[in-house]
Amino acid sequence: MTDSPLQTTDRDGIRVLTVNRPDKLNALNAATLDALHAAFDAAAVDPAVRVIVLTGAGPKAFVAGADIAEMSGLSAVQGRDFSQRGQRMMRRLERMPKPVIAMMNGFALGGGLELAMACHLRIAADSAKVGQPEINLGLIPGFGGTQRLLRLAGRAATLELCLQGSPIDAARAHALGIVNRVVPAADLEAETMKLAQQLAQAAPLALRGILDCVAIGGECGIEEGLEFETTQFGLIFSTDDMREGTSAFLERRKPVFRGT
């Protein structure tokens, strides 16, 4: 491990971003938030990157929360600024034009759960714990937790997790719709990379179209969402990948998508 708060490795179109503060259970401080934001900006425009996998260093935590030591001395204005800093990064992640998979290898609490929820897909080890424990510190979630949890798990579950502040296990998180899949801890990396490889072989422009449609549709009325989908559907017909995909289907061969 290096001293950088974020490690980056590339594997056949898959960029793995690892929050690298294992001695702090990968807690999010200002430097880590900025490093993540810069990493997502870079991945978004890198044509060699088709999928991003986000995880945490060490065996204990994905991200155990925001850095309490850094937050404890903030003023009200500084606290608002820290929240805005985190929310900007989460929003950048949420609107990435390429799929981002959270590989949840341990605790995903507070800012860590907020980070995972901003990803497009979440795979959790069966040993993982998730929660919004800010109430126990006299705080509320500040990186979008109340809003994304509400959209994923509904009002009752959001109020339970935020008001009680108690973590839940991966199985319950899956039942509530917070994570997509739970796998044995020993299989987490293999299963996550298998999914990432599947997405890396898909048509990049179609992936982006789906991500954009779901993001827009979740923030507007049904008519606006349908109109946006129709526009994106039409635009896809101008791509080489659409021609390749339909030709490959008719010719009974595997398509090779190039993102054009």
Protein backbone atom coordinates (compact mmCIF):
# COMPACT_ATOMS: atom_id res chain seq x y z
CA MET A 1 0.00 0.00 0.00
CA THR A 2 1.11 3.56 -0.74
CA ASP A 3 0.32 6.66 1.29
CA SER A 4 -2.16 7.86 -1.34
CA PRO A 5 -5.80 7.90 -0.16
CA LEU A 6 -6.79 6.19 -3.39
CA GLN A 7 -5.21 3.41 -5.40
CA THR A 8 -5.95 2.81 -9.08
CA THR A 9 -5.41 -0.38 -11.08
CA ASP A 10 -6.61 -1.30 -14.58
CA ARG A 11 -7.66 -4.75 -15.79
CA ASP A 12 -8.92 -5.23 -19.35
CA GLY A 13 -11.21 -2.22 -19.50
CA ILE A 14 -12.01 -2.34 -15.77
CA ARG A 15 -10.64 0.36 -13.49
CA VAL A 16 -10.47 -0.64 -9.82
CA LEU A 17 -10.46 2.29 -7.40
CA THR A 18 -9.51 1.37 -3.83
CA VAL A 19 -10.00 3.79 -0.95
CA ASN A 20 -6.68 3.33 0.79
CA ARG A 21 -6.86 4.36 4.45
CA PRO A 22 -7.12 0.96 6.16
CA ASP A 23 -5.77 2.31 9.46
CA LYS A 24 -8.81 4.65 9.52
CA LEU A 25 -11.18 1.99 8.14
CA ASN A 26 -11.05 3.97 4.89
CA ALA A 27 -12.88 6.95 6.39
CA LEU A 28 -13.61 9.78 3.98
CA ASN A 29 -11.68 12.94 4.73
CA ALA A 30 -11.48 15.99 2.45
CA ALA A 31 -8.39 14.69 0.64
CA THR A 32 -10.07 11.36 -0.10
CA LEU A 33 -13.23 13.06 -1.37
CA ASP A 34 -11.13 15.18 -3.71
CA ALA A 35 -9.11 12.17 -4.89
CA LEU A 36 -12.30 10.25 -5.66
CA HIS A 37 -13.79 13.18 -7.56
CA ALA A 38 -10.63 13.52 -9.67
CA ALA A 39 -10.53 9.76 -10.28
CA PHE A 40 -14.12 9.70 -11.53
CA ASP A 41 -13.44 12.69 -13.80
CA ALA A 42 -10.45 10.86 -15.27
CA ALA A 43 -12.28 7.56 -15.74
CA ALA A 44 -15.22 9.27 -17.42
CA VAL A 45 -13.09 10.54 -20.31
CA ASP A 46 -10.64 7.63 -20.61
CA PRO A 47 -11.71 5.51 -23.63
CA ALA A 48 -9.81 2.51 -22.24
CA VAL A 49 -12.07 2.42 -19.17
CA ARG A 50 -15.45 0.80 -19.62
CA VAL A 51 -16.38 -0.14 -16.05
CA ILE A 52 -15.28 1.08 -12.61
CA VAL A 53 -15.13 -1.08 -9.49
CA LEU A 54 -14.96 0.80 -6.19
CA THR A 55 -13.80 -0.87 -2.98
CA GLY A 56 -11.88 -0.31 0.26
CA ALA A 57 -8.44 -1.45 1.36
CA GLY A 58 -8.02 -4.08 4.06
CA PRO A 59 -10.32 -6.84 5.29
CA LYS A 60 -12.57 -4.81 7.60
CA ALA A 61 -14.15 -1.94 5.74
CA PHE A 62 -15.44 -0.75 2.40
CA VAL A 63 -15.66 2.74 3.92
CA ALA A 64 -16.60 3.02 7.59
CA GLY A 65 -17.85 6.60 7.29
CA ALA A 66 -16.66 10.16 7.09
CA ASP A 67 -13.55 11.07 9.08
CA ILE A 68 -14.90 12.00 12.52
CA ALA A 69 -11.58 13.42 13.69
CA GLU A 70 -11.62 15.87 10.79
CA MET A 71 -15.29 16.75 11.26
CA SER A 72 -15.31 17.22 15.02
CA GLY A 73 -13.80 20.70 14.98
CA LEU A 74 -15.79 22.16 12.09
CA SER A 75 -17.98 25.22 12.44
CA ALA A 76 -21.52 25.33 11.05
CA VAL A 77 -20.30 26.96 7.83
CA GLN A 78 -17.41 24.52 7.52
CA GLY A 79 -19.79 21.63 8.14
CA ARG A 80 -22.05 22.81 5.34
CA ASP A 81 -19.04 23.14 3.05
CA PHE A 82 -17.88 19.61 3.93
CA SER A 83 -21.34 18.29 3.15
CA GLN A 84 -21.39 20.11 -0.18
CA ARG A 85 -17.93 18.76 -1.01
CA GLY A 86 -19.10 15.21 -0.38
CA GLN A 87 -22.37 15.68 -2.21
CA ARG A 88 -20.61 17.06 -5.29
CA MET A 89 -18.42 13.99 -5.42
CA MET A 90 -21.39 11.63 -4.88
CA ARG A 91 -23.31 13.40 -7.61
CA ARG A 92 -20.34 13.07 -9.96
CA LEU A 93 -20.25 9.37 -9.21
CA GLU A 94 -24.00 8.92 -9.61
CA ARG A 95 -23.98 10.58 -13.02
CA MET A 96 -20.95 8.71 -14.36
CA PRO A 97 -21.40 7.71 -18.03
CA LYS A 98 -19.91 4.28 -17.27
CA PRO A 99 -21.16 1.66 -14.80
CA VAL A 100 -19.69 1.86 -11.30
CA ILE A 101 -19.90 -1.23 -9.07
CA ALA A 102 -19.42 -0.99 -5.32
CA MET A 103 -17.54 -4.05 -4.07
CA MET A 104 -18.54 -3.89 -0.41
CA ASN A 105 -15.93 -5.90 1.44
CA GLY A 106 -16.80 -4.85 4.99
CA PHE A 107 -18.34 -1.98 6.95
CA ALA A 108 -20.24 0.54 4.81
CA LEU A 109 -21.43 3.01 7.40
CA GLY A 110 -22.41 6.66 7.21
CA GLY A 111 -20.46 8.22 4.35
CA GLY A 112 -19.45 4.72 3.27
CA LEU A 113 -23.05 3.66 2.70
CA GLU A 114 -23.69 7.00 1.00
CA LEU A 115 -20.75 6.29 -1.30
CA ALA A 116 -22.03 2.80 -2.11
CA MET A 117 -25.56 4.05 -2.76
CA ALA A 118 -24.25 6.57 -5.29
CA CYS A 119 -22.78 3.66 -7.29
CA HIS A 120 -24.91 2.02 -9.96
CA LEU A 121 -24.63 -1.53 -8.62
CA ARG A 122 -23.65 -2.93 -5.22
CA ILE A 123 -22.28 -6.39 -4.40
CA ALA A 124 -21.71 -7.09 -0.71
CA ALA A 125 -19.80 -9.76 1.14
CA ASP A 126 -22.06 -11.75 3.45
CA SER A 127 -20.00 -10.39 6.34
CA ALA A 128 -20.60 -6.73 5.43
CA LYS A 129 -22.57 -4.36 7.65
CA VAL A 130 -24.34 -1.23 6.43
CA GLY A 131 -26.00 1.66 8.20
CA GLN A 132 -26.42 5.38 8.79
CA PRO A 133 -25.17 5.80 12.39
CA GLU A 134 -24.82 9.61 12.36
CA ILE A 135 -27.58 10.00 14.97
CA ASN A 136 -25.23 8.42 17.51
CA LEU A 137 -22.84 11.37 17.00
CA GLY A 138 -25.56 14.00 17.21
CA LEU A 139 -25.40 14.36 13.41
CA ILE A 140 -27.50 13.59 10.37
CA PRO A 141 -26.34 12.05 7.07
CA GLY A 142 -24.66 14.76 5.00
CA PHE A 143 -23.57 13.14 1.74
CA GLY A 144 -27.05 12.32 0.40
CA GLY A 145 -27.90 9.41 2.69
CA THR A 146 -31.45 10.44 3.52
CA GLN A 147 -32.30 10.95 -0.14
CA ARG A 148 -30.68 7.94 -1.81
CA LEU A 149 -31.70 5.55 0.95
CA LEU A 150 -35.28 6.81 0.61
CA ARG A 151 -35.22 6.05 -3.11
CA LEU A 152 -33.64 2.61 -2.69
CA ALA A 153 -35.35 1.25 0.42
CA GLY A 154 -38.40 3.43 1.01
CA ARG A 155 -39.54 5.73 3.80
CA ALA A 156 -39.95 3.16 6.61
CA ALA A 157 -36.51 1.60 6.20
CA THR A 158 -34.86 5.01 5.80
CA LEU A 159 -36.37 6.32 9.01
CA GLU A 160 -35.44 3.12 10.86
CA LEU A 161 -31.80 3.18 9.78
CA CYS A 162 -31.33 6.93 10.24
CA LEU A 163 -33.28 7.37 13.48
CA GLN A 164 -31.97 4.27 15.25
CA GLY A 165 -28.45 4.42 13.86
CA SER A 166 -27.95 0.67 14.15
CA PRO A 167 -26.19 -1.24 11.36
CA ILE A 168 -27.88 -4.10 9.55
CA ASP A 169 -26.31 -7.16 7.97
CA ALA A 170 -25.87 -7.72 4.25
CA ALA A 171 -28.81 -10.12 4.00
CA ARG A 172 -31.25 -7.54 5.35
CA ALA A 173 -29.70 -4.84 3.18
CA HIS A 174 -30.37 -7.07 0.18
CA ALA A 175 -33.96 -7.69 1.28
CA LEU A 176 -34.50 -3.93 1.54
CA GLY A 177 -33.06 -3.32 -1.92
CA ILE A 178 -29.99 -1.45 -0.69
CA VAL A 179 -27.58 -3.94 -2.28
CA ASN A 180 -28.08 -5.92 -5.48
CA ARG A 181 -26.35 -9.11 -4.46
CA VAL A 182 -24.77 -10.79 -1.43
CA VAL A 183 -22.00 -13.36 -1.91
CA PRO A 184 -19.64 -15.27 0.41
CA ALA A 185 -16.76 -13.02 1.43
CA ALA A 186 -14.25 -15.41 -0.15
CA ASP A 187 -16.04 -15.04 -3.51
CA LEU A 188 -16.59 -11.28 -3.45
CA GLU A 189 -13.76 -10.21 -5.73
CA ALA A 190 -14.32 -13.01 -8.24
CA GLU A 191 -18.07 -12.37 -8.46
CA THR A 192 -17.63 -8.62 -8.74
CA MET A 193 -15.02 -8.92 -11.46
CA LYS A 194 -17.19 -11.41 -13.33
CA LEU A 195 -19.98 -8.84 -13.45
CA ALA A 196 -17.55 -6.08 -14.37
CA GLN A 197 -16.16 -8.16 -17.23
CA GLN A 198 -19.68 -8.78 -18.52
CA LEU A 199 -20.41 -5.06 -18.53
CA ALA A 200 -17.02 -4.23 -20.06
CA GLN A 201 -17.95 -6.35 -23.09
CA ALA A 202 -21.31 -4.63 -23.55
CA ALA A 203 -21.92 -1.71 -25.90
CA PRO A 204 -20.54 1.41 -24.14
CA LEU A 205 -22.94 3.88 -25.74
CA ALA A 206 -25.92 1.69 -24.88
CA LEU A 207 -24.66 1.39 -21.31
CA ARG A 208 -24.43 5.17 -21.11
CA GLY A 209 -27.90 5.56 -22.58
CA ILE A 210 -29.38 3.26 -19.93
CA LEU A 211 -27.52 5.00 -17.11
CA ASP A 212 -28.70 8.41 -18.34
CA CYS A 213 -32.31 7.28 -18.80
CA VAL A 214 -32.51 5.78 -15.31
CA ALA A 215 -30.85 8.83 -13.74
CA ILE A 216 -33.13 11.30 -15.52
CA GLY A 217 -36.22 9.16 -15.00
CA GLY A 218 -35.59 9.03 -11.27
CA GLU A 219 -35.60 12.82 -11.08
CA CYS A 220 -38.55 13.82 -13.27
CA GLY A 221 -42.13 12.88 -14.13
CA ILE A 222 -43.05 9.84 -16.22
CA GLU A 223 -43.81 11.82 -19.40
CA GLU A 224 -40.45 13.62 -19.33
CA GLY A 225 -38.69 10.33 -18.62
CA LEU A 226 -40.39 8.57 -21.51
CA GLU A 227 -39.55 11.41 -23.89
CA PHE A 228 -35.90 11.30 -22.83
CA GLU A 229 -35.83 7.52 -23.37
CA THR A 230 -37.32 7.89 -26.84
CA THR A 231 -34.68 10.46 -27.79
CA GLN A 232 -31.85 8.27 -26.51
CA PHE A 233 -33.31 5.23 -28.29
CA GLY A 234 -33.32 7.09 -31.59
CA LEU A 235 -29.78 8.38 -31.16
CA ILE A 236 -28.47 4.84 -30.61
CA PHE A 237 -29.52 4.01 -34.19
CA SER A 238 -26.75 6.30 -35.43
CA THR A 239 -24.02 4.21 -33.78
CA ASP A 240 -21.71 1.60 -35.26
CA ASP A 241 -22.29 -0.51 -32.16
CA MET A 242 -26.01 -0.78 -32.92
CA ARG A 243 -25.19 -2.01 -36.44
CA GLU A 244 -22.64 -4.44 -35.02
CA GLY A 245 -25.01 -5.75 -32.38
CA THR A 246 -27.93 -6.35 -34.71
CA SER A 247 -25.69 -7.84 -37.42
CA ALA A 248 -24.04 -10.18 -34.92
CA PHE A 249 -27.45 -11.34 -33.72
CA LEU A 250 -28.63 -12.08 -37.26
CA GLU A 251 -25.32 -13.78 -38.11
CA ARG A 252 -25.34 -15.78 -34.87
CA ARG A 253 -21.97 -14.58 -33.67
CA LYS A 254 -20.66 -12.67 -30.67
CA PRO A 255 -20.64 -8.89 -31.18
CA VAL A 256 -17.52 -6.79 -30.74
CA PHE A 257 -18.50 -3.35 -29.48
CA ARG A 258 -16.09 -0.43 -29.91
CA GLY A 259 -18.02 2.45 -28.39
CA THR A 260 -18.67 4.23 -31.69
